[in-house]
Protein backbone atom coordinates (compact mmCIF):
# COMPACT_ATOMS: atom_id res chain seq x y z
CA MET A 1 -7.44 -19.16 2.21
CA ASP A 2 -5.52 -18.20 5.36
CA ILE A 3 -6.18 -14.48 5.82
CA ALA A 4 -3.50 -11.91 6.70
CA ILE A 5 -5.74 -8.83 6.41
CA ARG A 6 -9.53 -8.71 6.59
CA VAL A 7 -11.35 -5.43 6.08
CA GLU A 8 -15.15 -5.26 5.99
CA GLY A 9 -17.33 -2.17 5.74
CA LEU A 10 -14.51 0.18 6.75
CA SER A 11 -15.42 3.86 6.94
CA LYS A 12 -13.54 7.01 7.88
CA ARG A 13 -14.49 10.68 7.80
CA TYR A 14 -12.38 13.81 8.15
CA GLY A 15 -14.39 16.77 9.38
CA GLY A 16 -17.58 15.25 8.06
CA ILE A 17 -16.07 14.50 4.65
CA PRO A 18 -15.93 10.75 3.84
CA ALA A 19 -12.42 9.46 3.11
CA LEU A 20 -13.34 5.75 3.12
CA LYS A 21 -16.81 4.43 2.33
CA ASP A 22 -17.72 0.79 3.04
CA VAL A 23 -14.26 -0.51 2.10
CA SER A 24 -13.93 -4.30 2.05
CA PHE A 25 -11.12 -6.61 0.90
CA LYS A 26 -9.07 -9.61 2.02
CA VAL A 27 -5.36 -10.36 1.71
CA GLY A 28 -4.26 -13.98 1.84
CA ARG A 29 -1.13 -14.98 3.72
CA GLY A 30 1.85 -15.27 1.42
CA GLN A 31 0.43 -12.94 -1.22
CA ILE A 32 1.92 -9.80 -2.70
CA PHE A 33 -1.27 -7.77 -2.70
CA GLY A 34 -1.56 -4.54 -4.66
CA TYR A 35 -3.67 -1.71 -3.24
CA LEU A 36 -4.10 0.36 -6.34
CA GLY A 37 -5.60 3.77 -6.92
CA PRO A 38 -4.89 7.38 -7.91
CA ASN A 39 -3.47 9.92 -5.48
CA GLY A 40 -6.03 10.90 -2.86
CA ALA A 41 -8.09 7.72 -3.27
CA GLY A 42 -7.76 6.67 0.39
CA LYS A 43 -4.81 4.29 0.25
CA THR A 44 -2.72 5.91 2.99
CA THR A 45 -5.79 6.39 5.21
CA THR A 46 -6.47 2.65 4.95
CA ILE A 47 -2.88 1.84 5.92
CA LYS A 48 -2.99 4.18 8.92
CA ILE A 49 -6.11 2.37 10.16
CA LEU A 50 -4.45 -1.04 9.66
CA LEU A 51 -1.63 0.18 11.90
CA ASP A 52 -3.92 1.98 14.37
CA LEU A 53 -2.28 5.31 13.62
CA ILE A 54 -5.77 6.79 13.26
CA ASN A 55 -9.17 5.59 14.46
CA ARG A 56 -11.79 4.22 12.12
CA ASP A 57 -15.40 5.35 12.24
CA GLY A 58 -16.90 1.97 11.44
CA GLY A 59 -16.29 -1.47 10.04
CA VAL A 60 -14.24 -4.55 10.88
CA VAL A 61 -10.43 -4.69 10.59
CA GLU A 62 -8.25 -7.69 11.36
CA VAL A 63 -4.50 -7.84 10.81
CA LEU A 64 -2.96 -11.29 11.32
CA GLY A 65 -6.01 -12.21 13.37
CA PHE A 66 -5.95 -9.13 15.64
CA ASP A 67 -8.00 -5.96 15.68
CA PRO A 68 -5.41 -3.14 15.63
CA MET A 69 -7.73 -0.84 17.57
CA PHE A 70 -7.75 -3.19 20.56
CA ASP A 71 -4.58 -5.25 20.04
CA ARG A 72 -2.19 -2.61 18.75
CA ARG A 73 0.92 -4.09 20.36
CA GLU A 74 0.22 -7.54 18.92
CA VAL A 75 -0.23 -6.09 15.42
CA LEU A 76 2.82 -3.82 15.49
CA SER A 77 5.05 -6.62 16.77
CA ARG A 78 4.18 -8.68 13.69
CA VAL A 79 4.08 -5.99 10.99
CA GLY A 80 6.80 -4.01 9.22
CA TYR A 81 5.87 -0.66 7.68
CA THR A 82 7.50 1.71 5.20
CA PRO A 83 5.78 5.09 4.83
CA GLU A 84 5.42 7.00 1.59
CA LEU A 85 8.01 9.59 2.64
CA PRO A 86 10.32 7.99 5.24
CA SER A 87 11.98 10.38 7.67
CA LEU A 88 15.33 8.94 8.73
CA PRO A 89 18.04 10.43 11.00
CA LYS A 90 20.46 12.04 8.56
CA PHE A 91 23.28 12.32 11.11
CA LEU A 92 23.59 8.51 11.42
CA ASN A 93 25.02 6.17 8.83
CA GLY A 94 23.07 3.19 7.51
CA ILE A 95 24.40 0.51 9.82
CA GLU A 96 24.23 2.76 12.90
CA PHE A 97 20.57 3.44 12.20
CA LEU A 98 19.67 -0.23 11.75
CA ILE A 99 21.61 -1.29 14.83
CA LEU A 100 19.80 1.35 16.88
CA SER A 101 16.45 0.21 15.49
CA ALA A 102 17.25 -3.43 16.21
CA ARG A 103 18.34 -2.61 19.77
CA MET A 104 15.06 -0.78 20.31
CA SER A 105 13.32 -3.94 19.11
CA GLY A 106 14.94 -5.91 21.91
CA LEU A 107 17.96 -7.49 20.22
CA SER A 108 21.33 -7.66 21.92
CA TYR A 109 24.12 -5.58 20.39
CA SER A 110 25.70 -8.57 18.65
CA GLU A 111 22.33 -9.73 17.35
CA ALA A 112 21.48 -6.19 16.22
CA LYS A 113 24.78 -5.80 14.36
CA SER A 114 24.36 -9.16 12.64
CA ARG A 115 20.76 -8.36 11.67
CA ALA A 116 21.75 -4.93 10.36
CA ARG A 117 24.50 -6.36 8.17
CA TYR A 118 22.18 -9.04 6.82
CA LEU A 119 19.46 -6.51 5.92
CA LEU A 120 21.89 -4.06 4.34
CA ASP A 121 23.08 -6.90 2.12
CA LEU A 122 19.49 -7.90 1.34
CA VAL A 123 18.58 -4.41 0.10
CA GLY A 124 21.88 -3.83 -1.68
CA LEU A 125 23.33 -1.19 0.65
CA SER A 126 26.32 -3.05 2.11
CA SER A 127 28.81 -0.81 0.32
CA ASP A 128 27.02 2.28 1.70
CA ALA A 129 26.66 1.02 5.26
CA LYS A 130 28.94 3.70 6.71
CA LYS A 131 27.71 6.57 4.55
CA LYS A 132 25.67 9.24 6.35
CA ILE A 133 21.96 8.86 5.62
CA GLY A 134 21.88 12.57 4.77
CA LYS A 135 23.98 11.73 1.71
CA TYR A 136 21.73 8.87 0.57
CA SER A 137 19.75 9.20 -2.65
CA LYS A 138 15.96 8.88 -2.67
CA GLY A 139 16.25 5.25 -3.73
CA MET A 140 18.83 4.44 -1.07
CA MET A 141 16.67 5.97 1.65
CA GLN A 142 13.69 3.97 0.48
CA LYS A 143 15.69 0.74 0.53
CA LEU A 144 17.03 1.55 4.00
CA SER A 145 13.46 2.18 5.15
CA ILE A 146 12.46 -1.26 3.87
CA ALA A 147 15.42 -2.81 5.70
CA ASN A 148 14.28 -1.04 8.87
CA ALA A 149 10.75 -2.41 8.40
CA LEU A 150 12.23 -5.92 8.31
CA ILE A 151 14.27 -5.55 11.52
CA SER A 152 11.92 -7.65 13.67
CA SER A 153 11.30 -10.36 11.03
CA PRO A 154 7.64 -9.39 10.42
CA GLU A 155 4.95 -11.70 9.10
CA LEU A 156 3.43 -8.83 7.11
CA LEU A 157 5.20 -5.99 5.30
CA ILE A 158 3.14 -2.88 4.46
CA LEU A 159 4.65 -0.58 1.84
CA ASP A 160 3.10 2.79 1.02
CA GLU A 161 4.25 3.98 -2.44
CA PRO A 162 7.71 2.39 -2.03
CA THR A 163 8.99 3.47 -5.47
CA LEU A 164 7.63 7.02 -5.46
CA GLY A 165 10.04 9.41 -7.18
CA MET A 166 12.56 6.70 -8.05
CA ASP A 167 14.20 6.13 -11.43
CA PRO A 168 13.55 2.90 -13.40
CA ILE A 169 16.67 1.20 -12.02
CA GLY A 170 15.69 2.02 -8.45
CA ARG A 171 12.14 0.78 -9.00
CA ALA A 172 13.46 -2.49 -10.42
CA GLU A 173 15.75 -2.94 -7.41
CA VAL A 174 12.87 -2.39 -4.98
CA ARG A 175 10.73 -4.88 -6.90
CA ASP A 176 13.49 -7.47 -6.57
CA ILE A 177 13.68 -6.83 -2.81
CA ILE A 178 9.91 -7.29 -2.46
CA LEU A 179 10.00 -10.56 -4.40
CA GLU A 180 12.90 -11.85 -2.30
CA VAL A 181 11.16 -10.93 0.96
CA ASN A 182 7.99 -12.65 -0.22
CA LYS A 183 9.97 -15.83 -0.97
CA MET A 184 10.87 -15.87 2.73
CA GLY A 185 7.18 -16.24 3.56
CA VAL A 186 6.40 -12.60 4.30
CA THR A 187 3.00 -11.32 3.13
CA VAL A 188 3.36 -7.99 1.31
CA PHE A 189 0.70 -5.27 1.13
CA LEU A 190 1.81 -2.83 -1.56
CA SER A 191 0.04 0.50 -1.97
CA SER A 192 0.72 2.33 -5.23
CA HIS A 193 -0.73 4.52 -7.96
CA LEU A 194 1.83 3.15 -10.43
CA LEU A 195 0.08 0.45 -12.41
CA GLY A 196 3.27 -0.95 -13.91
CA GLU A 197 4.81 -1.60 -10.51
CA VAL A 198 1.77 -3.49 -9.26
CA GLU A 199 1.39 -5.46 -12.48
CA ARG A 200 4.95 -6.80 -12.35
CA ILE A 201 4.76 -8.39 -8.91
CA CYS A 202 1.11 -8.66 -7.80
CA ASN A 203 -1.53 -11.19 -8.81
CA HIS A 204 -4.27 -9.96 -6.48
CA VAL A 205 -5.33 -6.34 -6.20
CA ALA A 206 -7.92 -4.02 -4.76
CA LEU A 207 -8.73 -0.92 -6.79
CA ILE A 208 -9.88 2.11 -4.78
CA ARG A 209 -11.38 5.32 -6.13
CA LYS A 210 -12.55 8.28 -4.02
CA GLY A 211 -12.64 6.13 -0.90
CA GLU A 212 -14.60 3.26 -2.45
CA ILE A 213 -13.44 -0.16 -3.58
CA ILE A 214 -14.48 -0.62 -7.19
CA PHE A 215 -12.70 -3.91 -7.79
CA THR A 216 -10.95 -6.63 -5.80
CA GLY A 217 -9.63 -9.86 -7.25
CA GLU A 218 -7.05 -11.11 -9.75
CA LEU A 219 -5.54 -8.81 -12.37
CA ASN A 220 -6.90 -10.90 -15.23
CA GLU A 221 -10.37 -10.53 -13.76
CA MET A 222 -9.88 -6.77 -13.67
CA ILE A 223 -9.23 -6.78 -17.41
CA LYS A 224 -12.32 -8.86 -18.08
CA LEU A 225 -14.49 -6.60 -15.97
CA ALA A 226 -13.29 -3.56 -17.89
CA GLY A 227 -13.85 -5.23 -21.24
CA GLY A 228 -10.13 -5.31 -21.94
CA GLU A 229 -8.29 -7.74 -24.16
CA ILE A 230 -6.33 -10.89 -23.37
CA ILE A 231 -3.65 -12.60 -25.45
CA LEU A 232 -3.42 -16.38 -25.70
CA VAL A 233 0.02 -17.52 -26.80
CA VAL A 234 -0.32 -20.98 -28.32
CA THR A 235 2.62 -23.15 -29.37
CA LEU A 236 1.80 -26.04 -31.73
CA ASP A 237 3.84 -29.01 -32.87
CA LYS A 238 3.90 -27.49 -36.37
CA PRO A 239 2.39 -24.56 -38.31
CA ILE A 240 -1.16 -25.12 -39.57
CA PRO A 241 -1.93 -23.47 -42.95
CA GLY A 242 -5.04 -21.29 -42.82
CA LEU A 243 -5.38 -21.45 -39.02
CA GLU A 244 -5.30 -17.65 -38.65
CA ASP A 245 -8.34 -17.24 -40.89
CA LYS A 246 -10.28 -19.92 -39.04
CA LEU A 247 -9.54 -18.29 -35.68
CA LEU A 248 -10.59 -14.85 -36.93
CA LYS A 249 -14.04 -16.21 -37.77
CA LEU A 250 -14.67 -16.57 -34.03
CA ASP A 251 -16.65 -13.55 -32.77
CA TYR A 252 -14.43 -13.00 -29.75
CA VAL A 253 -11.08 -13.17 -31.60
CA THR A 254 -9.95 -9.70 -32.66
CA ARG A 255 -6.41 -10.36 -33.95
CA VAL A 256 -4.14 -13.30 -34.76
CA THR A 257 -0.44 -13.26 -35.56
CA SER A 258 1.91 -16.18 -36.06
CA ASP A 259 5.62 -16.88 -36.04
CA GLY A 260 6.23 -20.39 -37.25
CA ASN A 261 4.38 -22.72 -34.90
CA LYS A 262 3.65 -20.00 -32.31
CA TYR A 263 0.32 -18.13 -32.50
CA ARG A 264 -0.71 -15.00 -30.60
CA ILE A 265 -4.49 -14.89 -30.36
CA VAL A 266 -6.09 -11.69 -29.04
CA THR A 267 -9.51 -12.22 -27.48
CA SER A 268 -12.00 -9.79 -25.99
CA GLY A 269 -13.48 -10.20 -22.54
CA ASP A 270 -12.32 -13.76 -21.78
CA GLU A 271 -9.76 -16.37 -22.80
CA HIS A 272 -12.15 -18.90 -24.44
CA ARG A 273 -9.46 -21.56 -24.06
CA ALA A 274 -11.77 -24.55 -24.52
CA GLU A 275 -13.31 -23.29 -27.79
CA ILE A 276 -9.95 -22.24 -29.25
CA SER A 277 -8.35 -25.55 -28.27
CA LYS A 278 -11.18 -27.42 -29.98
CA LEU A 279 -10.85 -25.40 -33.19
CA ILE A 280 -7.07 -25.93 -33.30
CA SER A 281 -7.49 -29.66 -32.74
CA GLU A 282 -10.10 -29.93 -35.51
CA ALA A 283 -7.69 -28.06 -37.81
CA GLY A 284 -5.05 -30.75 -37.18
CA GLY A 285 -2.91 -28.92 -34.62
CA LEU A 286 -1.36 -30.41 -31.51
CA ILE A 287 -1.03 -27.87 -28.68
CA LEU A 288 2.31 -28.03 -26.88
CA GLU A 289 1.74 -24.97 -24.71
CA MET A 290 -0.99 -22.40 -24.10
CA LYS A 291 -0.41 -19.42 -21.83
CA THR A 292 -2.06 -16.09 -21.12
CA GLU A 293 -0.54 -12.65 -21.45
CA ARG A 294 -2.16 -9.49 -20.15
CA LEU A 295 -2.89 -6.83 -22.72
CA ASP A 296 -3.98 -3.25 -22.21
CA LEU A 297 -4.04 -3.39 -18.42
CA GLU A 298 -3.58 0.37 -18.26
CA THR A 299 -6.71 0.86 -20.35
CA ALA A 300 -8.64 -1.47 -18.06
CA PHE A 301 -7.48 0.54 -15.05
CA ILE A 302 -8.51 3.84 -16.61
CA LYS A 303 -11.90 2.46 -17.62
CA LEU A 304 -12.68 1.21 -14.13
CA ILE A 305 -11.43 4.37 -12.44
CA GLY A 306 -13.31 6.56 -14.86
CA ARG A 307 -16.66 4.89 -14.55
CA GLY A 308 -16.39 3.94 -10.88
CA ARG A 309 -17.78 0.48 -11.49
CA ARG A 310 -17.86 -1.73 -8.42
CA ARG A 311 -17.06 -5.41 -8.10
């Protein structure tokens, strides 16, 4: 895996109080990576170290192959960043602000204007381009902040709680922006305490609690580690009489429902695809499709946070 962010043994203390303790994780290029944890867990402190806004006390940090402590200019020229609470000049309108930002990034006026218009369209603010930022809603300011982070066409976009305080429509719009940016080849590092936001767009996550990483990996693996449940949705060529009862005899199957030739099989701890496929085949069923759905991810999150288990 080509690595965009590598963090090993990272530590940080504030006045002798540990904020980060032996934090380690990796973010692959092209991923939308979720950095998940409750408020005060150390997410923003980690981001500030990635951007060399504060010094670390120990550990290894590489961002796009550079150590931000020693190669700050190289890192910042390749990374876009949106803070948790963006502070934008309220006396400017949207396009004025982006043009100014683009000019400060080294673009000519014509290039800056073109880039600003493109980004306003990307984040859905074209119709509000000439509205004063002071009159923007919370969601509009957050989207403008994301546009600003994309001014210099970064390889990596770091977002700190990008949907904080937004309504469901605004959160959905920001998710769509993140997915679109990722399609362009930009790696996204998304920090959030909102499980639903991370679940919808991230496959890989790191879970941090009180400054310690207690899990890093795929979301499905997080469910397994917490002892959560997984749903297998199996579509057969035809309904099989009595198949539900046969499946329920398996120790790891907790529930089975069916709708015609489609079966929803709830398993504990793991998928058990091979064993279930064998049983269905022996019962005379032909599997047309088998896919996994996550179940009870919130419960898995609470379990891991509550017990502080490490992975």
